[in-house]
C-alpha atoms as a PDB file:
ATOM      1  CA  MET A   1     -16.885 -11.727  13.331  1.00  0.00           C
ATOM      2  CA  ALA A   2     -14.125  -9.126  13.030  1.00  0.00           C
ATOM      3  CA  GLU A   3     -10.752  -8.167  14.489  1.00  0.00           C
ATOM      4  CA  GLN A   4      -8.888  -4.916  14.201  1.00  0.00           C
ATOM      5  CA  HIS A   5      -5.180  -4.229  14.523  1.00  0.00           C
ATOM      6  CA  GLN A   6      -2.886  -1.278  14.013  1.00  0.00           C
ATOM      7  CA  LEU A   7       0.539  -1.638  12.428  1.00  0.00           C
ATOM      8  CA  ILE A   8       3.230   1.042  12.599  1.00  0.00           C
ATOM      9  CA  PHE A   9       5.950   1.390   9.968  1.00  0.00           C
ATOM     10  CA  THR A  10       8.805   3.882   9.871  1.00  0.00           C
ATOM     11  CA  THR A  11       9.737   4.676   6.296  1.00  0.00           C
ATOM     12  CA  ARG A  12      13.109   5.903   5.050  1.00  0.00           C
ATOM     13  CA  GLY A  13      11.654   8.335   2.545  1.00  0.00           C
ATOM     14  CA  ARG A  14      10.195   8.043  -0.918  1.00  0.00           C
ATOM     15  CA  GLY A  15       9.874   4.462  -2.104  1.00  0.00           C
ATOM     16  CA  SER A  16       8.000   1.250  -1.340  1.00  0.00           C
ATOM     17  CA  VAL A  17       8.072  -1.099   1.626  1.00  0.00           C
ATOM     18  CA  GLU A  18       6.671  -4.595   1.242  1.00  0.00           C
ATOM     19  CA  ILE A  19       4.294  -5.340   4.122  1.00  0.00           C
ATOM     20  CA  THR A  20       2.876  -8.661   2.862  1.00  0.00           C
ATOM     21  CA  ALA A  21       4.582 -10.720   5.566  1.00  0.00           C
ATOM     22  CA  ASP A  22       3.281  -8.421   8.309  1.00  0.00           C
ATOM     23  CA  ILE A  23      -0.294  -8.860   7.074  1.00  0.00           C
ATOM     24  CA  ALA A  24       0.157 -12.605   6.566  1.00  0.00           C
ATOM     25  CA  GLY A  25       1.366 -12.862  10.174  1.00  0.00           C
ATOM     26  CA  LEU A  26      -1.824 -11.292  11.485  1.00  0.00           C
ATOM     27  CA  ILE A  27      -3.926 -13.646   9.392  1.00  0.00           C
ATOM     28  CA  LYS A  28      -1.950 -16.710  10.485  1.00  0.00           C
ATOM     29  CA  ASN A  29      -2.669 -15.871  14.120  1.00  0.00           C
ATOM     30  CA  THR A  30      -6.362 -15.024  13.788  1.00  0.00           C
ATOM     31  CA  SER A  31      -9.194 -17.277  14.903  1.00  0.00           C
ATOM     32  CA  LEU A  32     -10.894 -16.521  11.574  1.00  0.00           C
ATOM     33  CA  LYS A  33     -10.344 -19.206   8.953  1.00  0.00           C
ATOM     34  CA  ALA A  34     -11.592 -17.283   5.905  1.00  0.00           C
ATOM     35  CA  GLY A  35     -12.691 -13.769   5.058  1.00  0.00           C
ATOM     36  CA  ILE A  36     -11.233 -10.487   3.926  1.00  0.00           C
ATOM     37  CA  VAL A  37      -8.500  -8.275   5.253  1.00  0.00           C
ATOM     38  CA  HIS A  38      -8.901  -4.544   4.715  1.00  0.00           C
ATOM     39  CA  LEU A  39      -5.946  -2.205   5.142  1.00  0.00           C
ATOM     40  CA  PHE A  40      -6.312   1.564   5.532  1.00  0.00           C
ATOM     41  CA  VAL A  41      -3.410   3.995   5.881  1.00  0.00           C
ATOM     42  CA  ARG A  42      -4.159   6.959   8.152  1.00  0.00           C
ATOM     43  CA  HIS A  43      -2.203   9.571   6.178  1.00  0.00           C
ATOM     44  CA  THR A  44      -2.585  11.696   3.030  1.00  0.00           C
ATOM     45  CA  SER A  45       0.985  11.617   1.751  1.00  0.00           C
ATOM     46  CA  CYS A  46       1.584   7.869   1.426  1.00  0.00           C
ATOM     47  CA  GLY A  47      -0.452   5.016  -0.004  1.00  0.00           C
ATOM     48  CA  LEU A  48      -1.100   1.303  -0.264  1.00  0.00           C
ATOM     49  CA  ALA A  49      -1.010  -0.854  -3.372  1.00  0.00           C
ATOM     50  CA  ILE A  50      -0.852  -4.448  -4.525  1.00  0.00           C
ATOM     51  CA  THR A  51       1.757  -4.861  -7.232  1.00  0.00           C
ATOM     52  CA  GLU A  52       4.551  -7.067  -8.600  1.00  0.00           C
ATOM     53  CA  ASN A  53       6.691  -8.583  -5.842  1.00  0.00           C
ATOM     54  CA  ALA A  54       9.263 -10.544  -7.865  1.00  0.00           C
ATOM     55  CA  ASP A  55      11.037  -7.768  -9.760  1.00  0.00           C
ATOM     56  CA  ALA A  56      11.936  -4.550  -7.928  1.00  0.00           C
ATOM     57  CA  THR A  57      12.317  -2.694 -11.233  1.00  0.00           C
ATOM     58  CA  VAL A  58       8.504  -2.611 -11.429  1.00  0.00           C
ATOM     59  CA  ARG A  59       8.353  -0.423  -8.307  1.00  0.00           C
ATOM     60  CA  ARG A  60      11.203   1.763  -9.580  1.00  0.00           C
ATOM     61  CA  ASP A  61       9.306   2.227 -12.852  1.00  0.00           C
ATOM     62  CA  LEU A  62       6.136   3.070 -10.918  1.00  0.00           C
ATOM     63  CA  GLU A  63       8.111   5.771  -9.099  1.00  0.00           C
ATOM     64  CA  THR A  64       9.304   7.099 -12.475  1.00  0.00           C
ATOM     65  CA  LEU A  65       5.693   7.330 -13.626  1.00  0.00           C
ATOM     66  CA  MET A  66       4.634   9.061 -10.408  1.00  0.00           C
ATOM     67  CA  GLN A  67       7.425  11.609 -10.921  1.00  0.00           C
ATOM     68  CA  ARG A  68       5.958  12.393 -14.343  1.00  0.00           C
ATOM     69  CA  TRP A  69       2.345  12.536 -13.147  1.00  0.00           C
ATOM     70  CA  ALA A  70       2.981  14.427  -9.894  1.00  0.00           C
ATOM     71  CA  PRO A  71       6.374  16.155  -9.993  1.00  0.00           C
ATOM     72  CA  ASP A  72       7.845  17.815  -6.919  1.00  0.00           C
ATOM     73  CA  GLY A  73       7.904  21.607  -6.846  1.00  0.00           C
ATOM     74  CA  ASP A  74       5.560  22.278  -9.768  1.00  0.00           C
ATOM     75  CA  ALA A  75       5.106  26.060 -10.000  1.00  0.00           C
ATOM     76  CA  ALA A  76       1.333  25.584 -10.433  1.00  0.00           C
ATOM     77  CA  TYR A  77       0.998  24.075  -6.932  1.00  0.00           C
ATOM     78  CA  ARG A  78      -0.310  26.386  -4.216  1.00  0.00           C
ATOM     79  CA  HIS A  79       0.032  23.877  -1.362  1.00  0.00           C
ATOM     80  CA  ASP A  80       3.722  23.702  -0.420  1.00  0.00           C
ATOM     81  CA  LEU A  81       3.696  24.339   3.335  1.00  0.00           C
ATOM     82  CA  GLU A  82       5.990  21.387   4.035  1.00  0.00           C
ATOM     83  CA  GLY A  83       8.292  21.694   1.023  1.00  0.00           C
ATOM     84  CA  ASP A  84       8.500  20.920  -2.681  1.00  0.00           C
ATOM     85  CA  ASP A  85       7.313  17.329  -2.175  1.00  0.00           C
ATOM     86  CA  ASP A  86       4.188  18.336  -0.201  1.00  0.00           C
ATOM     87  CA  MET A  87       1.522  18.638  -2.910  1.00  0.00           C
ATOM     88  CA  ALA A  88       3.164  15.963  -5.052  1.00  0.00           C
ATOM     89  CA  ALA A  89       2.897  13.509  -2.138  1.00  0.00           C
ATOM     90  CA  HIS A  90      -0.824  14.228  -1.743  1.00  0.00           C
ATOM     91  CA  ALA A  91      -1.409  13.703  -5.474  1.00  0.00           C
ATOM     92  CA  ARG A  92       0.603  10.468  -5.463  1.00  0.00           C
ATOM     93  CA  SER A  93      -1.492   9.132  -2.578  1.00  0.00           C
ATOM     94  CA  LEU A  94      -4.512   9.436  -4.875  1.00  0.00           C
ATOM     95  CA  LEU A  95      -2.652   7.397  -7.502  1.00  0.00           C
ATOM     96  CA  THR A  96      -1.763   4.559  -5.125  1.00  0.00           C
ATOM     97  CA  GLY A  97      -4.866   4.781  -2.959  1.00  0.00           C
ATOM     98  CA  LEU A  98      -5.278   4.719   0.797  1.00  0.00           C
ATOM     99  CA  SER A  99      -6.682   1.211   1.179  1.00  0.00           C
ATOM    100  CA  VAL A 100      -6.591  -2.323  -0.199  1.00  0.00           C
ATOM    101  CA  THR A 101      -8.738  -5.389   0.461  1.00  0.00           C
ATOM    102  CA  VAL A 102      -7.551  -8.979   0.024  1.00  0.00           C
ATOM    103  CA  PRO A 103      -9.423 -12.259   0.612  1.00  0.00           C
ATOM    104  CA  PHE A 104      -7.940 -14.970   2.799  1.00  0.00           C
ATOM    105  CA  ALA A 105      -8.743 -18.660   3.359  1.00  0.00           C
ATOM    106  CA  ASP A 106      -7.231 -21.299   5.619  1.00  0.00           C
ATOM    107  CA  ARG A 107      -5.503 -18.369   7.370  1.00  0.00           C
ATOM    108  CA  GLN A 108      -3.521 -17.496   4.221  1.00  0.00           C
ATOM    109  CA  LEU A 109      -3.689 -14.482   1.921  1.00  0.00           C
ATOM    110  CA  LEU A 110      -5.175 -15.303  -1.475  1.00  0.00           C
ATOM    111  CA  LEU A 111      -2.773 -13.103  -3.416  1.00  0.00           C
ATOM    112  CA  GLY A 112      -1.637 -14.084  -6.893  1.00  0.00           C
ATOM    113  CA  THR A 113       1.786 -15.639  -7.433  1.00  0.00           C
ATOM    114  CA  TRP A 114       3.528 -12.348  -8.234  1.00  0.00           C
ATOM    115  CA  GLN A 115       1.521 -10.032  -5.968  1.00  0.00           C
ATOM    116  CA  GLY A 116       2.700  -8.269  -2.834  1.00  0.00           C
ATOM    117  CA  ILE A 117       1.199  -5.592  -0.598  1.00  0.00           C
ATOM    118  CA  TYR A 118       3.208  -2.376  -0.420  1.00  0.00           C
ATOM    119  CA  LEU A 119       3.261   0.802   1.588  1.00  0.00           C
ATOM    120  CA  PHE A 120       4.371   3.595  -0.743  1.00  0.00           C
ATOM    121  CA  GLU A 121       6.012   6.553   0.957  1.00  0.00           C
ATOM    122  CA  HIS A 122       5.498   9.640  -1.186  1.00  0.00           C
ATOM    123  CA  ARG A 123       7.459  12.137   0.947  1.00  0.00           C
ATOM    124  CA  THR A 124      11.195  12.534   0.380  1.00  0.00           C
ATOM    125  CA  HIS A 125      11.934  12.105   4.115  1.00  0.00           C
ATOM    126  CA  GLY A 126      10.972   9.177   6.311  1.00  0.00           C
ATOM    127  CA  HIS A 127       7.810   9.207   8.394  1.00  0.00           C
ATOM    128  CA  ARG A 128       5.998   7.094  10.982  1.00  0.00           C
ATOM    129  CA  ARG A 129       2.997   5.532   9.198  1.00  0.00           C
ATOM    130  CA  GLU A 130      -0.043   3.895  10.783  1.00  0.00           C
ATOM    131  CA  ILE A 131      -2.115   1.236   9.041  1.00  0.00           C
ATOM    132  CA  VAL A 132      -5.432   0.004  10.403  1.00  0.00           C
ATOM    133  CA  VAL A 133      -5.950  -3.672   9.557  1.00  0.00           C
ATOM    134  CA  THR A 134      -9.481  -5.077   9.798  1.00  0.00           C
ATOM    135  CA  LEU A 135     -10.062  -8.820   9.463  1.00  0.00           C
ATOM    136  CA  THR A 136     -13.633  -9.871   8.760  1.00  0.00           C
ATOM    137  CA  GLY A 137     -14.754 -13.460   8.382  1.00  0.00           C
END
């Protein structure tokens, strides 16, 4: 048995948005008692990741690393149609990934104590982001 939902988030620009509670809300209201939840973001310049949710400096440090690995405005980039952050955002989406899968039981996410689910915006300006959420159980 499966259910599918779509969630819309409006980001403020580069950074992370915790979406754990949004996903947990869908699971709490499902008829499925146990299974997996799969999240897929329908864009190529943002990403999804499970990471530390207790200390925000972890996400700031991850952004520092992404700046090193995929800097804005690199002269070697050919793809810059939408600005200096264009190609960097696409590269960063490969680093974070476009999907995550998490098990659930008793209508609760089975995340670890310090884990949260995050939408990472890789563009410098805010965007409307769509996430397809599939519950299977």
